[in-house]
Amino acid sequence: MFRFKVLALFGCINLLFIMSALLAPISFAGRDYAWPQAAVLILIQGLVALAMLYAARQKFAGADIADKAYPAVLVAYVLWLCMMWRWLSL
């Protein structure tokens, strides 16, 4: 149950990060993480963050789908990190 609480917190932190990036661009390695420059990355990060919150909520509701969604959400986040790393290296 602790891992799902951490997952929910991490999903909320990601959503807050997206909101701050939409309000003011965040610079990574000389690139701005903002809507015009990284729209696809922001959309994917938002979807993964919402999936994190969904998996945590399903676990709190007692659904079995949460145990299957947890690894999928972690893999999706790792794939997003790889896409972010590739975007920063260009």
N, C-alpha and C. Protein backbone atom coordinates (compact mmCIF):
# COMPACT_ATOMS: atom_id res chain seq x y z
N MET A 1 0.82 -1.19 0.00
CA MET A 1 0.00 0.00 0.00
C MET A 1 0.87 1.26 0.00
N PHE A 2 2.05 1.17 0.63
CA PHE A 2 2.94 2.32 0.68
C PHE A 2 3.39 2.75 -0.71
N ARG A 3 3.67 1.75 -1.58
CA ARG A 3 4.14 2.10 -2.91
C ARG A 3 3.07 2.83 -3.71
N PHE A 4 1.80 2.57 -3.44
CA PHE A 4 0.74 3.27 -4.15
C PHE A 4 0.55 4.69 -3.62
N LYS A 5 0.84 4.89 -2.34
CA LYS A 5 0.82 6.26 -1.81
C LYS A 5 1.95 7.08 -2.42
N VAL A 6 3.12 6.45 -2.56
CA VAL A 6 4.25 7.13 -3.21
C VAL A 6 3.93 7.40 -4.68
N LEU A 7 3.28 6.44 -5.32
CA LEU A 7 2.89 6.61 -6.72
C LEU A 7 1.92 7.78 -6.88
N ALA A 8 0.95 7.89 -5.99
CA ALA A 8 0.00 9.00 -6.05
C ALA A 8 0.71 10.33 -5.81
N LEU A 9 1.60 10.37 -4.87
CA LEU A 9 2.35 11.59 -4.59
C LEU A 9 3.22 11.97 -5.79
N PHE A 10 3.88 10.99 -6.39
CA PHE A 10 4.73 11.25 -7.55
C PHE A 10 3.89 11.73 -8.74
N GLY A 11 2.70 11.18 -8.91
CA GLY A 11 1.80 11.65 -9.97
C GLY A 11 1.38 13.09 -9.76
N CYS A 12 1.08 13.45 -8.52
CA CYS A 12 0.71 14.84 -8.21
C CYS A 12 1.89 15.78 -8.44
N ILE A 13 3.08 15.35 -8.06
CA ILE A 13 4.27 16.18 -8.28
C ILE A 13 4.50 16.39 -9.77
N ASN A 14 4.29 15.36 -10.57
CA ASN A 14 4.44 15.50 -12.02
C ASN A 14 3.41 16.47 -12.59
N LEU A 15 2.19 16.41 -12.12
CA LEU A 15 1.17 17.35 -12.60
C LEU A 15 1.50 18.78 -12.19
N LEU A 16 2.00 18.96 -10.99
CA LEU A 16 2.42 20.31 -10.56
C LEU A 16 3.59 20.81 -11.39
N PHE A 17 4.51 19.91 -11.72
CA PHE A 17 5.64 20.28 -12.57
C PHE A 17 5.17 20.72 -13.94
N ILE A 18 4.19 20.01 -14.50
CA ILE A 18 3.64 20.38 -15.80
C ILE A 18 2.99 21.76 -15.72
N MET A 19 2.23 21.98 -14.66
CA MET A 19 1.57 23.29 -14.52
C MET A 19 2.60 24.41 -14.41
N SER A 20 3.68 24.18 -13.68
CA SER A 20 4.71 25.22 -13.57
C SER A 20 5.42 25.42 -14.90
N ALA A 21 5.60 24.36 -15.68
CA ALA A 21 6.24 24.49 -16.99
C ALA A 21 5.34 25.23 -17.97
N LEU A 22 4.04 25.09 -17.81
CA LEU A 22 3.13 25.82 -18.68
C LEU A 22 3.07 27.30 -18.33
N LEU A 23 3.24 27.62 -17.06
CA LEU A 23 3.22 29.03 -16.64
C LEU A 23 4.52 29.75 -16.96
N ALA A 24 5.64 29.10 -16.71
CA ALA A 24 6.95 29.69 -16.98
C ALA A 24 7.88 28.58 -17.47
N PRO A 25 8.52 28.77 -18.61
CA PRO A 25 9.40 27.72 -19.14
C PRO A 25 10.51 27.35 -18.16
N ILE A 26 10.79 26.06 -18.10
CA ILE A 26 11.86 25.54 -17.26
C ILE A 26 13.00 25.14 -18.18
N SER A 27 14.21 25.58 -17.87
CA SER A 27 15.35 25.33 -18.73
C SER A 27 16.12 24.09 -18.28
N PHE A 28 16.35 23.16 -19.23
CA PHE A 28 17.16 21.98 -19.02
C PHE A 28 18.24 21.96 -20.09
N ALA A 29 19.48 22.00 -19.70
CA ALA A 29 20.62 21.90 -20.62
C ALA A 29 20.48 22.88 -21.79
N GLY A 30 20.03 24.07 -21.50
CA GLY A 30 19.90 25.08 -22.54
C GLY A 30 18.64 24.99 -23.38
N ARG A 31 17.75 24.06 -23.06
CA ARG A 31 16.48 23.92 -23.78
C ARG A 31 15.34 24.28 -22.85
N ASP A 32 14.36 24.95 -23.40
CA ASP A 32 13.19 25.32 -22.61
C ASP A 32 12.16 24.21 -22.64
N TYR A 33 11.72 23.79 -21.46
CA TYR A 33 10.65 22.81 -21.33
C TYR A 33 9.36 23.60 -21.18
N ALA A 34 8.74 23.90 -22.30
CA ALA A 34 7.52 24.70 -22.33
C ALA A 34 6.63 24.17 -23.45
N TRP A 35 5.42 24.68 -23.54
CA TRP A 35 4.45 24.17 -24.49
C TRP A 35 4.93 24.23 -25.94
N PRO A 36 5.40 25.34 -26.45
CA PRO A 36 5.77 25.35 -27.88
C PRO A 36 6.96 24.44 -28.20
N GLN A 37 7.91 24.33 -27.29
CA GLN A 37 9.12 23.57 -27.59
C GLN A 37 8.98 22.08 -27.30
N ALA A 38 8.20 21.70 -26.33
CA ALA A 38 8.12 20.29 -25.91
C ALA A 38 6.68 19.85 -25.67
N ALA A 39 5.82 20.17 -26.60
CA ALA A 39 4.39 19.88 -26.41
C ALA A 39 4.12 18.38 -26.28
N VAL A 40 4.76 17.58 -27.11
CA VAL A 40 4.51 16.13 -27.06
C VAL A 40 5.02 15.54 -25.74
N LEU A 41 6.18 15.98 -25.29
CA LEU A 41 6.70 15.48 -24.01
C LEU A 41 5.79 15.87 -22.85
N ILE A 42 5.27 17.08 -22.89
CA ILE A 42 4.37 17.52 -21.81
C ILE A 42 3.08 16.72 -21.84
N LEU A 43 2.54 16.46 -23.03
CA LEU A 43 1.32 15.65 -23.12
C LEU A 43 1.54 14.23 -22.60
N ILE A 44 2.65 13.62 -22.99
CA ILE A 44 2.93 12.26 -22.54
C ILE A 44 3.18 12.23 -21.03
N GLN A 45 3.89 13.22 -20.52
CA GLN A 45 4.11 13.28 -19.07
C GLN A 45 2.79 13.43 -18.34
N GLY A 46 1.89 14.22 -18.88
CA GLY A 46 0.57 14.38 -18.26
C GLY A 46 -0.22 13.09 -18.26
N LEU A 47 -0.19 12.37 -19.37
CA LEU A 47 -0.91 11.09 -19.44
C LEU A 47 -0.34 10.06 -18.47
N VAL A 48 0.98 10.02 -18.37
CA VAL A 48 1.60 9.07 -17.45
C VAL A 48 1.29 9.46 -15.99
N ALA A 49 1.29 10.74 -15.69
CA ALA A 49 0.96 11.20 -14.34
C ALA A 49 -0.49 10.85 -14.00
N LEU A 50 -1.38 11.03 -14.95
CA LEU A 50 -2.78 10.65 -14.71
C LEU A 50 -2.93 9.15 -14.54
N ALA A 51 -2.14 8.37 -15.28
CA ALA A 51 -2.17 6.92 -15.11
C ALA A 51 -1.67 6.52 -13.73
N MET A 52 -0.67 7.25 -13.22
CA MET A 52 -0.18 6.99 -11.86
C MET A 52 -1.29 7.22 -10.85
N LEU A 53 -1.98 8.33 -10.99
CA LEU A 53 -3.07 8.64 -10.06
C LEU A 53 -4.20 7.62 -10.18
N TYR A 54 -4.49 7.18 -11.40
CA TYR A 54 -5.54 6.18 -11.61
C TYR A 54 -5.19 4.86 -10.93
N ALA A 55 -3.94 4.42 -11.11
CA ALA A 55 -3.52 3.15 -10.50
C ALA A 55 -3.59 3.24 -8.98
N ALA A 56 -3.15 4.36 -8.43
CA ALA A 56 -3.20 4.52 -6.97
C ALA A 56 -4.64 4.56 -6.48
N ARG A 57 -5.49 5.26 -7.20
CA ARG A 57 -6.89 5.35 -6.77
C ARG A 57 -7.58 3.98 -6.83
N GLN A 58 -7.27 3.21 -7.86
CA GLN A 58 -7.85 1.88 -7.96
C GLN A 58 -7.39 0.97 -6.82
N LYS A 59 -6.14 1.13 -6.40
CA LYS A 59 -5.66 0.33 -5.27
C LYS A 59 -6.36 0.73 -3.98
N PHE A 60 -6.56 2.03 -3.80
CA PHE A 60 -7.26 2.50 -2.60
C PHE A 60 -8.72 2.05 -2.60
N ALA A 61 -9.27 1.86 -3.80
CA ALA A 61 -10.65 1.37 -3.92
C ALA A 61 -10.73 -0.14 -3.78
N GLY A 62 -9.58 -0.82 -3.79
CA GLY A 62 -9.56 -2.27 -3.61
C GLY A 62 -9.66 -3.06 -4.90
N ALA A 63 -9.46 -2.41 -6.06
CA ALA A 63 -9.55 -3.11 -7.33
C ALA A 63 -8.26 -3.87 -7.63
N ASP A 64 -8.40 -5.01 -8.27
CA ASP A 64 -7.24 -5.82 -8.62
C ASP A 64 -6.45 -5.26 -9.80
N ILE A 65 -7.08 -4.40 -10.58
CA ILE A 65 -6.41 -3.83 -11.76
C ILE A 65 -5.19 -3.01 -11.36
N ALA A 66 -5.16 -2.49 -10.14
CA ALA A 66 -4.05 -1.65 -9.70
C ALA A 66 -2.74 -2.43 -9.67
N ASP A 67 -2.79 -3.68 -9.29
CA ASP A 67 -1.56 -4.48 -9.24
C ASP A 67 -1.01 -4.76 -10.64
N LYS A 68 -1.88 -4.73 -11.64
CA LYS A 68 -1.44 -4.91 -13.02
C LYS A 68 -1.03 -3.58 -13.64
N ALA A 69 -1.65 -2.52 -13.22
CA ALA A 69 -1.34 -1.20 -13.78
C ALA A 69 -0.05 -0.63 -13.22
N TYR A 70 0.33 -1.02 -12.02
CA TYR A 70 1.53 -0.47 -11.38
C TYR A 70 2.79 -0.69 -12.22
N PRO A 71 3.10 -1.92 -12.65
CA PRO A 71 4.31 -2.08 -13.47
C PRO A 71 4.20 -1.36 -14.82
N ALA A 72 3.01 -1.33 -15.38
CA ALA A 72 2.83 -0.65 -16.67
C ALA A 72 3.09 0.85 -16.54
N VAL A 73 2.66 1.43 -15.45
CA VAL A 73 2.88 2.86 -15.23
C VAL A 73 4.37 3.13 -15.02
N LEU A 74 5.05 2.27 -14.29
CA LEU A 74 6.48 2.46 -14.10
C LEU A 74 7.25 2.36 -15.41
N VAL A 75 6.89 1.41 -16.25
CA VAL A 75 7.55 1.27 -17.55
C VAL A 75 7.24 2.49 -18.42
N ALA A 76 6.01 2.97 -18.38
CA ALA A 76 5.66 4.16 -19.15
C ALA A 76 6.46 5.37 -18.70
N TYR A 77 6.70 5.49 -17.40
CA TYR A 77 7.48 6.62 -16.90
C TYR A 77 8.94 6.49 -17.32
N VAL A 78 9.48 5.28 -17.29
CA VAL A 78 10.86 5.08 -17.74
C VAL A 78 10.98 5.40 -19.23
N LEU A 79 10.00 5.02 -20.02
CA LEU A 79 10.03 5.36 -21.44
C LEU A 79 9.95 6.86 -21.65
N TRP A 80 9.15 7.56 -20.84
CA TRP A 80 9.10 9.02 -20.93
C TRP A 80 10.45 9.62 -20.57
N LEU A 81 11.11 9.08 -19.54
CA LEU A 81 12.44 9.56 -19.18
C LEU A 81 13.43 9.36 -20.32
N CYS A 82 13.34 8.23 -21.02
CA CYS A 82 14.22 7.99 -22.16
C CYS A 82 13.94 8.99 -23.28
N MET A 83 12.68 9.31 -23.51
CA MET A 83 12.34 10.31 -24.52
C MET A 83 12.84 11.68 -24.11
N MET A 84 12.76 11.99 -22.83
CA MET A 84 13.27 13.27 -22.34
C MET A 84 14.78 13.35 -22.51
N TRP A 85 15.46 12.27 -22.20
CA TRP A 85 16.91 12.22 -22.35
C TRP A 85 17.30 12.42 -23.81
N ARG A 86 16.58 11.77 -24.71
CA ARG A 86 16.84 11.93 -26.15
C ARG A 86 16.58 13.37 -26.58
N TRP A 87 15.52 13.97 -26.10
CA TRP A 87 15.20 15.35 -26.45
C TRP A 87 16.30 16.29 -25.96
N LEU A 88 16.83 16.03 -24.79
CA LEU A 88 17.89 16.89 -24.26
C LEU A 88 19.21 16.70 -25.00
N SER A 89 19.43 15.53 -25.59
CA SER A 89 20.71 15.27 -26.25
C SER A 89 20.75 15.81 -27.67
N LEU A 90 19.62 16.23 -28.22
CA LEU A 90 19.60 16.75 -29.61
C LEU A 90 20.18 18.14 -29.67
